[in-house]
Amino acid sequence: MATREAYIGFKGRNNSSSILVNALSQQHYLLTNSFVGLKRDIDKLPADYDVVYLFGVDKNLIGSFRIEQCAEKDGIHLVTNLDLKSLAEKLSSNGIKSKISKTPTHYLCNEAFWHLLEKYQGKAVLIHIPTIKNFNNIFEEMTFPEHEYDSVQNYLNRLGYCYTTRVYKEVGKYKADKLYIAPWGDMLKIEEVKEYQKVSDRPFYNEMSDEEKAEIRKYSEDMRLPYEFIKFSRFSLSN
């Protein structure tokens, strides 16, 4: 049975936690930026999640995340029972630096984390991320022609992965095992990058239209340049 995950951030168009949870999951939750409001929001969450990821913003973070181990409210400490070391290793393997903190934070993030730890019996974690300015320095955008948006998302929904061909100035731009933000908001992970010289060597060559073959050939083989065939998928913290 698949692990049921909840991705939670805080409301705000320019709040990087809101942007990140939207990129990580099409089904996510945003908390109200007040003590009373966030408690009300958490009370309404389904109780059967196996793992809950809460993201908050720390303006002092630049180029890294901070994973929180515990929360404190009215002198009561609650501690996550999730494997934070494995989570940090997962982030590191995808190009994201992080550290684990054993000191409770303050204000809304701590309050929300405490209530989530209580509700889900320790199966929650708070991850602090940079502000939107520094957040954008961590994740680059992976571009696609606008007419491909729907088809790419359909492949991701149906298969869990998709392919793209990159030519000319985009060769070498995207790296395997790195994370990128799609124009429509998904968090994408590059699984594999393969380089080819001849268009006829491209996987699924026989399924391509003559127009597609000619377009790739124009900016690669005809110019005596290589092209790349890239496999990518949606990123999940649990996979």
Foldseek 3Di string as FASTA:
>chain_A
DDAAEEQEEADDPQFVSVLVSVQQDVDYYHFYQDLVGRLVRVVPDDLPGQAYEYEHEDQPDAQAKEKEAWADDPRDIFGAPDDVVVLQVLCVLQPHHYYYDDDHDDDPQRSNQHSVCVSNVRRYIYMYDYGSVRNCVQAAADEDPPVCVVVQVVCCVPPQKDKDKFFDPCVPVDDASYWHAYPVRHIKGWHDKDKDQALVPDPPSVVDDPVVSVVRCVRGNVVVHIMIMIMMGGDHSVD
